[in-house]
Amino acid sequence: MKDVYRTKTGVEIGCMYERPLRQLSRDEEIIQRALLGIHTPNPAYICLYAVLLTLVFAGMMAGFRGVS
């Protein structure tokens, strides 16, 4: 229940105030993300993907050099 103060003239003070939301802890955020099905990519997988793409690209370039 909100604490609203009403003056003699009928002006309500504090009727639009809402308490700020509580900040979630790291564990609570992880649980909430799991329940909502939100997955953040692991930086190690992104790095591995970049290395593999580089190797595939280098292999393709080496293969094209051998053909000509």
PDB file of N, CA and C in Angstrom:
ATOM      1  N   MET A   1       0.835  -1.173   0.000  1.00  0.00           N
ATOM      2  CA  MET A   1       0.000   0.000   0.000  1.00  0.00           C
ATOM      3  C   MET A   1       0.879   1.235   0.000  1.00  0.00           C
ATOM      4  N   LYS A   2       0.533   2.193  -0.807  1.00  0.00           N
ATOM      5  CA  LYS A   2       1.321   3.412  -0.913  1.00  0.00           C
ATOM      6  C   LYS A   2       0.973   4.371   0.214  1.00  0.00           C
ATOM      7  N   ASP A   3       1.967   5.090   0.669  1.00  0.00           N
ATOM      8  CA  ASP A   3       1.736   6.133   1.665  1.00  0.00           C
ATOM      9  C   ASP A   3       1.421   7.425   0.924  1.00  0.00           C
ATOM     10  N   VAL A   4       0.148   7.759   0.880  1.00  0.00           N
ATOM     11  CA  VAL A   4      -0.290   8.955   0.169  1.00  0.00           C
ATOM     12  C   VAL A   4      -0.749   9.975   1.196  1.00  0.00           C
ATOM     13  N   TYR A   5      -0.268  11.191   1.022  1.00  0.00           N
ATOM     14  CA  TYR A   5      -0.688  12.277   1.897  1.00  0.00           C
ATOM     15  C   TYR A   5      -1.618  13.188   1.114  1.00  0.00           C
ATOM     16  N   ARG A   6      -2.766  13.485   1.682  1.00  0.00           N
ATOM     17  CA  ARG A   6      -3.741  14.350   1.029  1.00  0.00           C
ATOM     18  C   ARG A   6      -3.817  15.666   1.801  1.00  0.00           C
ATOM     19  N   THR A   7      -3.598  16.762   1.086  1.00  0.00           N
ATOM     20  CA  THR A   7      -3.661  18.082   1.715  1.00  0.00           C
ATOM     21  C   THR A   7      -5.111  18.528   1.892  1.00  0.00           C
ATOM     22  N   LYS A   8      -5.288  19.688   2.558  1.00  0.00           N
ATOM     23  CA  LYS A   8      -6.642  20.221   2.775  1.00  0.00           C
ATOM     24  C   LYS A   8      -7.337  20.549   1.463  1.00  0.00           C
ATOM     25  N   THR A   9      -6.550  20.918   0.443  1.00  0.00           N
ATOM     26  CA  THR A   9      -7.143  21.291  -0.836  1.00  0.00           C
ATOM     27  C   THR A   9      -7.396  20.087  -1.736  1.00  0.00           C
ATOM     28  N   GLY A  10      -7.032  18.890  -1.288  1.00  0.00           N
ATOM     29  CA  GLY A  10      -7.293  17.691  -2.066  1.00  0.00           C
ATOM     30  C   GLY A  10      -6.126  17.237  -2.923  1.00  0.00           C
ATOM     31  N   VAL A  11      -4.973  17.894  -2.800  1.00  0.00           N
ATOM     32  CA  VAL A  11      -3.800  17.494  -3.575  1.00  0.00           C
ATOM     33  C   VAL A  11      -3.176  16.272  -2.911  1.00  0.00           C
ATOM     34  N   GLU A  12      -2.952  15.233  -3.709  1.00  0.00           N
ATOM     35  CA  GLU A  12      -2.341  14.013  -3.187  1.00  0.00           C
ATOM     36  C   GLU A  12      -0.844  14.055  -3.435  1.00  0.00           C
ATOM     37  N   ILE A  13      -0.085  13.844  -2.387  1.00  0.00           N
ATOM     38  CA  ILE A  13       1.377  13.851  -2.481  1.00  0.00           C
ATOM     39  C   ILE A  13       1.861  12.422  -2.292  1.00  0.00           C
ATOM     40  N   GLY A  14       2.639  11.947  -3.237  1.00  0.00           N
ATOM     41  CA  GLY A  14       3.219  10.608  -3.146  1.00  0.00           C
ATOM     42  C   GLY A  14       2.405   9.531  -3.825  1.00  0.00           C
ATOM     43  N   CYS A  15       1.362   9.895  -4.551  1.00  0.00           N
ATOM     44  CA  CYS A  15       0.526   8.859  -5.167  1.00  0.00           C
ATOM     45  C   CYS A  15       1.185   8.230  -6.399  1.00  0.00           C
ATOM     46  N   MET A  16       2.141   8.907  -7.028  1.00  0.00           N
ATOM     47  CA  MET A  16       2.801   8.366  -8.222  1.00  0.00           C
ATOM     48  C   MET A  16       4.138   7.702  -7.897  1.00  0.00           C
ATOM     49  N   TYR A  17       4.567   7.761  -6.626  1.00  0.00           N
ATOM     50  CA  TYR A  17       5.859   7.189  -6.262  1.00  0.00           C
ATOM     51  C   TYR A  17       5.775   5.666  -6.239  1.00  0.00           C
ATOM     52  N   GLU A  18       6.765   5.020  -6.836  1.00  0.00           N
ATOM     53  CA  GLU A  18       6.906   3.573  -6.756  1.00  0.00           C
ATOM     54  C   GLU A  18       8.331   3.266  -6.334  1.00  0.00           C
ATOM     55  N   ARG A  19       8.451   2.338  -5.422  1.00  0.00           N
ATOM     56  CA  ARG A  19       9.785   1.955  -4.964  1.00  0.00           C
ATOM     57  C   ARG A  19      10.567   1.349  -6.124  1.00  0.00           C
ATOM     58  N   PRO A  20      11.872   1.612  -6.182  1.00  0.00           N
ATOM     59  CA  PRO A  20      12.676   0.987  -7.243  1.00  0.00           C
ATOM     60  C   PRO A  20      12.709  -0.533  -7.064  1.00  0.00           C
ATOM     61  N   LEU A  21      12.806  -1.230  -8.190  1.00  0.00           N
ATOM     62  CA  LEU A  21      12.846  -2.689  -8.142  1.00  0.00           C
ATOM     63  C   LEU A  21      14.130  -3.167  -7.490  1.00  0.00           C
ATOM     64  N   ARG A  22      14.026  -4.290  -6.832  1.00  0.00           N
ATOM     65  CA  ARG A  22      15.173  -4.890  -6.176  1.00  0.00           C
ATOM     66  C   ARG A  22      16.145  -5.418  -7.229  1.00  0.00           C
ATOM     67  N   GLN A  23      17.439  -5.210  -7.017  1.00  0.00           N
ATOM     68  CA  GLN A  23      18.456  -5.702  -7.945  1.00  0.00           C
ATOM     69  C   GLN A  23      18.676  -7.191  -7.703  1.00  0.00           C
ATOM     70  N   LEU A  24      18.715  -7.958  -8.782  1.00  0.00           N
ATOM     71  CA  LEU A  24      18.934  -9.392  -8.682  1.00  0.00           C
ATOM     72  C   LEU A  24      20.406  -9.697  -8.450  1.00  0.00           C
ATOM     73  N   SER A  25      20.656 -10.734  -7.680  1.00  0.00           N
ATOM     74  CA  SER A  25      22.036 -11.184  -7.503  1.00  0.00           C
ATOM     75  C   SER A  25      22.450 -11.965  -8.751  1.00  0.00           C
ATOM     76  N   ARG A  26      23.729 -12.272  -8.850  1.00  0.00           N
ATOM     77  CA  ARG A  26      24.231 -13.006 -10.016  1.00  0.00           C
ATOM     78  C   ARG A  26      23.565 -14.379 -10.124  1.00  0.00           C
ATOM     79  N   ASP A  27      23.413 -15.059  -8.995  1.00  0.00           N
ATOM     80  CA  ASP A  27      22.779 -16.382  -9.009  1.00  0.00           C
ATOM     81  C   ASP A  27      21.322 -16.289  -9.444  1.00  0.00           C
ATOM     82  N   GLU A  28      20.615 -15.267  -8.973  1.00  0.00           N
ATOM     83  CA  GLU A  28      19.214 -15.094  -9.352  1.00  0.00           C
ATOM     84  C   GLU A  28      19.082 -14.792 -10.842  1.00  0.00           C
ATOM     85  N   GLU A  29      20.036 -14.029 -11.389  1.00  0.00           N
ATOM     86  CA  GLU A  29      20.020 -13.748 -12.828  1.00  0.00           C
ATOM     87  C   GLU A  29      20.238 -15.021 -13.635  1.00  0.00           C
ATOM     88  N   ILE A  30      21.149 -15.873 -13.185  1.00  0.00           N
ATOM     89  CA  ILE A  30      21.423 -17.125 -13.885  1.00  0.00           C
ATOM     90  C   ILE A  30      20.178 -18.005 -13.879  1.00  0.00           C
ATOM     91  N   ILE A  31      19.518 -18.085 -12.724  1.00  0.00           N
ATOM     92  CA  ILE A  31      18.295 -18.894 -12.627  1.00  0.00           C
ATOM     93  C   ILE A  31      17.208 -18.324 -13.528  1.00  0.00           C
ATOM     94  N   GLN A  32      17.059 -17.000 -13.528  1.00  0.00           N
ATOM     95  CA  GLN A  32      16.030 -16.373 -14.355  1.00  0.00           C
ATOM     96  C   GLN A  32      16.302 -16.604 -15.841  1.00  0.00           C
ATOM     97  N   ARG A  33      17.565 -16.485 -16.252  1.00  0.00           N
ATOM     98  CA  ARG A  33      17.912 -16.742 -17.655  1.00  0.00           C
ATOM     99  C   ARG A  33      17.613 -18.195 -18.033  1.00  0.00           C
ATOM    100  N   ALA A  34      17.903 -19.121 -17.130  1.00  0.00           N
ATOM    101  CA  ALA A  34      17.635 -20.534 -17.412  1.00  0.00           C
ATOM    102  C   ALA A  34      16.134 -20.778 -17.554  1.00  0.00           C
ATOM    103  N   LEU A  35      15.340 -20.171 -16.688  1.00  0.00           N
ATOM    104  CA  LEU A  35      13.894 -20.362 -16.750  1.00  0.00           C
ATOM    105  C   LEU A  35      13.292 -19.737 -18.004  1.00  0.00           C
ATOM    106  N   LEU A  36      13.862 -18.626 -18.459  1.00  0.00           N
ATOM    107  CA  LEU A  36      13.360 -17.963 -19.662  1.00  0.00           C
ATOM    108  C   LEU A  36      13.946 -18.551 -20.945  1.00  0.00           C
ATOM    109  N   GLY A  37      14.951 -19.399 -20.821  1.00  0.00           N
ATOM    110  CA  GLY A  37      15.555 -20.020 -22.000  1.00  0.00           C
ATOM    111  C   GLY A  37      16.502 -19.093 -22.736  1.00  0.00           C
ATOM    112  N   ILE A  38      17.095 -18.134 -22.038  1.00  0.00           N
ATOM    113  CA  ILE A  38      18.038 -17.199 -22.651  1.00  0.00           C
ATOM    114  C   ILE A  38      19.449 -17.740 -22.421  1.00  0.00           C
ATOM    115  N   HIS A  39      20.174 -17.947 -23.501  1.00  0.00           N
ATOM    116  CA  HIS A  39      21.537 -18.462 -23.403  1.00  0.00           C
ATOM    117  C   HIS A  39      22.507 -17.433 -23.954  1.00  0.00           C
ATOM    118  N   THR A  40      23.548 -17.153 -23.192  1.00  0.00           N
ATOM    119  CA  THR A  40      24.601 -16.257 -23.666  1.00  0.00           C
ATOM    120  C   THR A  40      25.746 -17.123 -24.177  1.00  0.00           C
ATOM    121  N   PRO A  41      26.339 -16.749 -25.291  1.00  0.00           N
ATOM    122  CA  PRO A  41      27.418 -17.572 -25.835  1.00  0.00           C
ATOM    123  C   PRO A  41      28.653 -17.527 -24.939  1.00  0.00           C
ATOM    124  N   ASN A  42      29.303 -18.655 -24.828  1.00  0.00           N
ATOM    125  CA  ASN A  42      30.523 -18.760 -24.052  1.00  0.00           C
ATOM    126  C   ASN A  42      31.663 -18.159 -24.869  1.00  0.00           C
ATOM    127  N   PRO A  43      32.464 -17.252 -24.294  1.00  0.00           N
ATOM    128  CA  PRO A  43      33.576 -16.644 -25.051  1.00  0.00           C
ATOM    129  C   PRO A  43      34.577 -17.665 -25.588  1.00  0.00           C
ATOM    130  N   ALA A  44      34.748 -18.777 -24.896  1.00  0.00           N
ATOM    131  CA  ALA A  44      35.678 -19.805 -25.373  1.00  0.00           C
ATOM    132  C   ALA A  44      35.180 -20.407 -26.690  1.00  0.00           C
ATOM    133  N   TYR A  45      33.880 -20.616 -26.816  1.00  0.00           N
ATOM    134  CA  TYR A  45      33.330 -21.159 -28.058  1.00  0.00           C
ATOM    135  C   TYR A  45      33.467 -20.168 -29.207  1.00  0.00           C
ATOM    136  N   ILE A  46      33.302 -18.894 -28.919  1.00  0.00           N
ATOM    137  CA  ILE A  46      33.450 -17.873 -29.960  1.00  0.00           C
ATOM    138  C   ILE A  46      34.890 -17.849 -30.463  1.00  0.00           C
ATOM    139  N   CYS A  47      35.848 -17.925 -29.535  1.00  0.00           N
ATOM    140  CA  CYS A  47      37.270 -17.938 -29.912  1.00  0.00           C
ATOM    141  C   CYS A  47      37.593 -19.199 -30.725  1.00  0.00           C
ATOM    142  N   LEU A  48      37.094 -20.337 -30.294  1.00  0.00           N
ATOM    143  CA  LEU A  48      37.322 -21.585 -31.018  1.00  0.00           C
ATOM    144  C   LEU A  48      36.725 -21.516 -32.418  1.00  0.00           C
ATOM    145  N   TYR A  49      35.538 -20.947 -32.541  1.00  0.00           N
ATOM    146  CA  TYR A  49      34.887 -20.794 -33.838  1.00  0.00           C
ATOM    147  C   TYR A  49      35.730 -19.909 -34.764  1.00  0.00           C
ATOM    148  N   ALA A  50      36.287 -18.816 -34.228  1.00  0.00           N
ATOM    149  CA  ALA A  50      37.129 -17.920 -35.033  1.00  0.00           C
ATOM    150  C   ALA A  50      38.400 -18.644 -35.500  1.00  0.00           C
ATOM    151  N   VAL A  51      38.995 -19.438 -34.637  1.00  0.00           N
ATOM    152  CA  VAL A  51      40.212 -20.182 -35.004  1.00  0.00           C
ATOM    153  C   VAL A  51      39.886 -21.205 -36.090  1.00  0.00           C
ATOM    154  N   LEU A  52      38.782 -21.918 -35.931  1.00  0.00           N
ATOM    155  CA  LEU A  52      38.406 -22.916 -36.934  1.00  0.00           C
ATOM    156  C   LEU A  52      38.102 -22.266 -38.285  1.00  0.00           C
ATOM    157  N   LEU A  53      37.421 -21.135 -38.270  1.00  0.00           N
ATOM    158  CA  LEU A  53      37.164 -20.433 -39.528  1.00  0.00           C
ATOM    159  C   LEU A  53      38.465 -19.991 -40.190  1.00  0.00           C
ATOM    160  N   THR A  54      39.408 -19.536 -39.391  1.00  0.00           N
ATOM    161  CA  THR A  54      40.707 -19.124 -39.934  1.00  0.00           C
ATOM    162  C   THR A  54      41.425 -20.315 -40.562  1.00  0.00           C
ATOM    163  N   LEU A  55      41.392 -21.471 -39.888  1.00  0.00           N
ATOM    164  CA  LEU A  55      42.046 -22.656 -40.427  1.00  0.00           C
ATOM    165  C   LEU A  55      41.370 -23.130 -41.712  1.00  0.00           C
ATOM    166  N   VAL A  56      40.062 -23.098 -41.750  1.00  0.00           N
ATOM    167  CA  VAL A  56      39.343 -23.504 -42.963  1.00  0.00           C
ATOM    168  C   VAL A  56      39.672 -22.553 -44.104  1.00  0.00           C
ATOM    169  N   PHE A  57      39.680 -21.268 -43.819  1.00  0.00           N
ATOM    170  CA  PHE A  57      40.003 -20.286 -44.852  1.00  0.00           C
ATOM    171  C   PHE A  57      41.443 -20.465 -45.347  1.00  0.00           C
ATOM    172  N   ALA A  58      42.387 -20.686 -44.420  1.00  0.00           N
ATOM    173  CA  ALA A  58      43.787 -20.897 -44.813  1.00  0.00           C
ATOM    174  C   ALA A  58      43.919 -22.180 -45.638  1.00  0.00           C
ATOM    175  N   GLY A  59      43.178 -23.219 -45.271  1.00  0.00           N
ATOM    176  CA  GLY A  59      43.222 -24.464 -46.039  1.00  0.00           C
ATOM    177  C   GLY A  59      42.660 -24.287 -47.436  1.00  0.00           C
ATOM    178  N   MET A  60      41.588 -23.505 -47.551  1.00  0.00           N
ATOM    179  CA  MET A  60      41.019 -23.247 -48.870  1.00  0.00           C
ATOM    180  C   MET A  60      41.995 -22.460 -49.741  1.00  0.00           C
ATOM    181  N   MET A  61      42.669 -21.491 -49.156  1.00  0.00           N
ATOM    182  CA  MET A  61      43.629 -20.696 -49.917  1.00  0.00           C
ATOM    183  C   MET A  61      44.823 -21.562 -50.353  1.00  0.00           C
ATOM    184  N   ALA A  62      45.258 -22.461 -49.487  1.00  0.00           N
ATOM    185  CA  ALA A  62      46.365 -23.356 -49.849  1.00  0.00           C
ATOM    186  C   ALA A  62      45.914 -24.307 -50.956  1.00  0.00           C
ATOM    187  N   GLY A  63      44.662 -24.757 -50.909  1.00  0.00           N
ATOM    188  CA  GLY A  63      44.145 -25.641 -51.946  1.00  0.00           C
ATOM    189  C   GLY A  63      44.027 -24.929 -53.281  1.00  0.00           C
ATOM    190  N   PHE A  64      43.635 -23.669 -53.276  1.00  0.00           N
ATOM    191  CA  PHE A  64      43.537 -22.914 -54.524  1.00  0.00           C
ATOM    192  C   PHE A  64      44.894 -22.648 -55.120  1.00  0.00           C
ATOM    193  N   ARG A  65      45.917 -22.472 -54.295  1.00  0.00           N
ATOM    194  CA  ARG A  65      47.272 -22.249 -54.809  1.00  0.00           C
ATOM    195  C   ARG A  65      47.790 -23.507 -55.507  1.00  0.00           C
ATOM    196  N   GLY A  66      47.429 -24.668 -54.953  1.00  0.00           N
ATOM    197  CA  GLY A  66      47.893 -25.930 -55.525  1.00  0.00           C
ATOM    198  C   GLY A  66      47.222 -26.244 -56.860  1.00  0.00           C
ATOM    199  N   VAL A  67      46.002 -25.747 -57.076  1.00  0.00           N
ATOM    200  CA  VAL A  67      45.259 -26.038 -58.285  1.00  0.00           C
ATOM    201  C   VAL A  67      45.842 -25.275 -59.478  1.00  0.00           C
ATOM    202  N   SER A  68      46.232 -24.054 -59.274  1.00  0.00           N
ATOM    203  CA  SER A  68      46.717 -23.248 -60.404  1.00  0.00           C
ATOM    204  C   SER A  68      48.160 -23.495 -60.637  1.00  0.00           C
TER     205      SER A  68
END
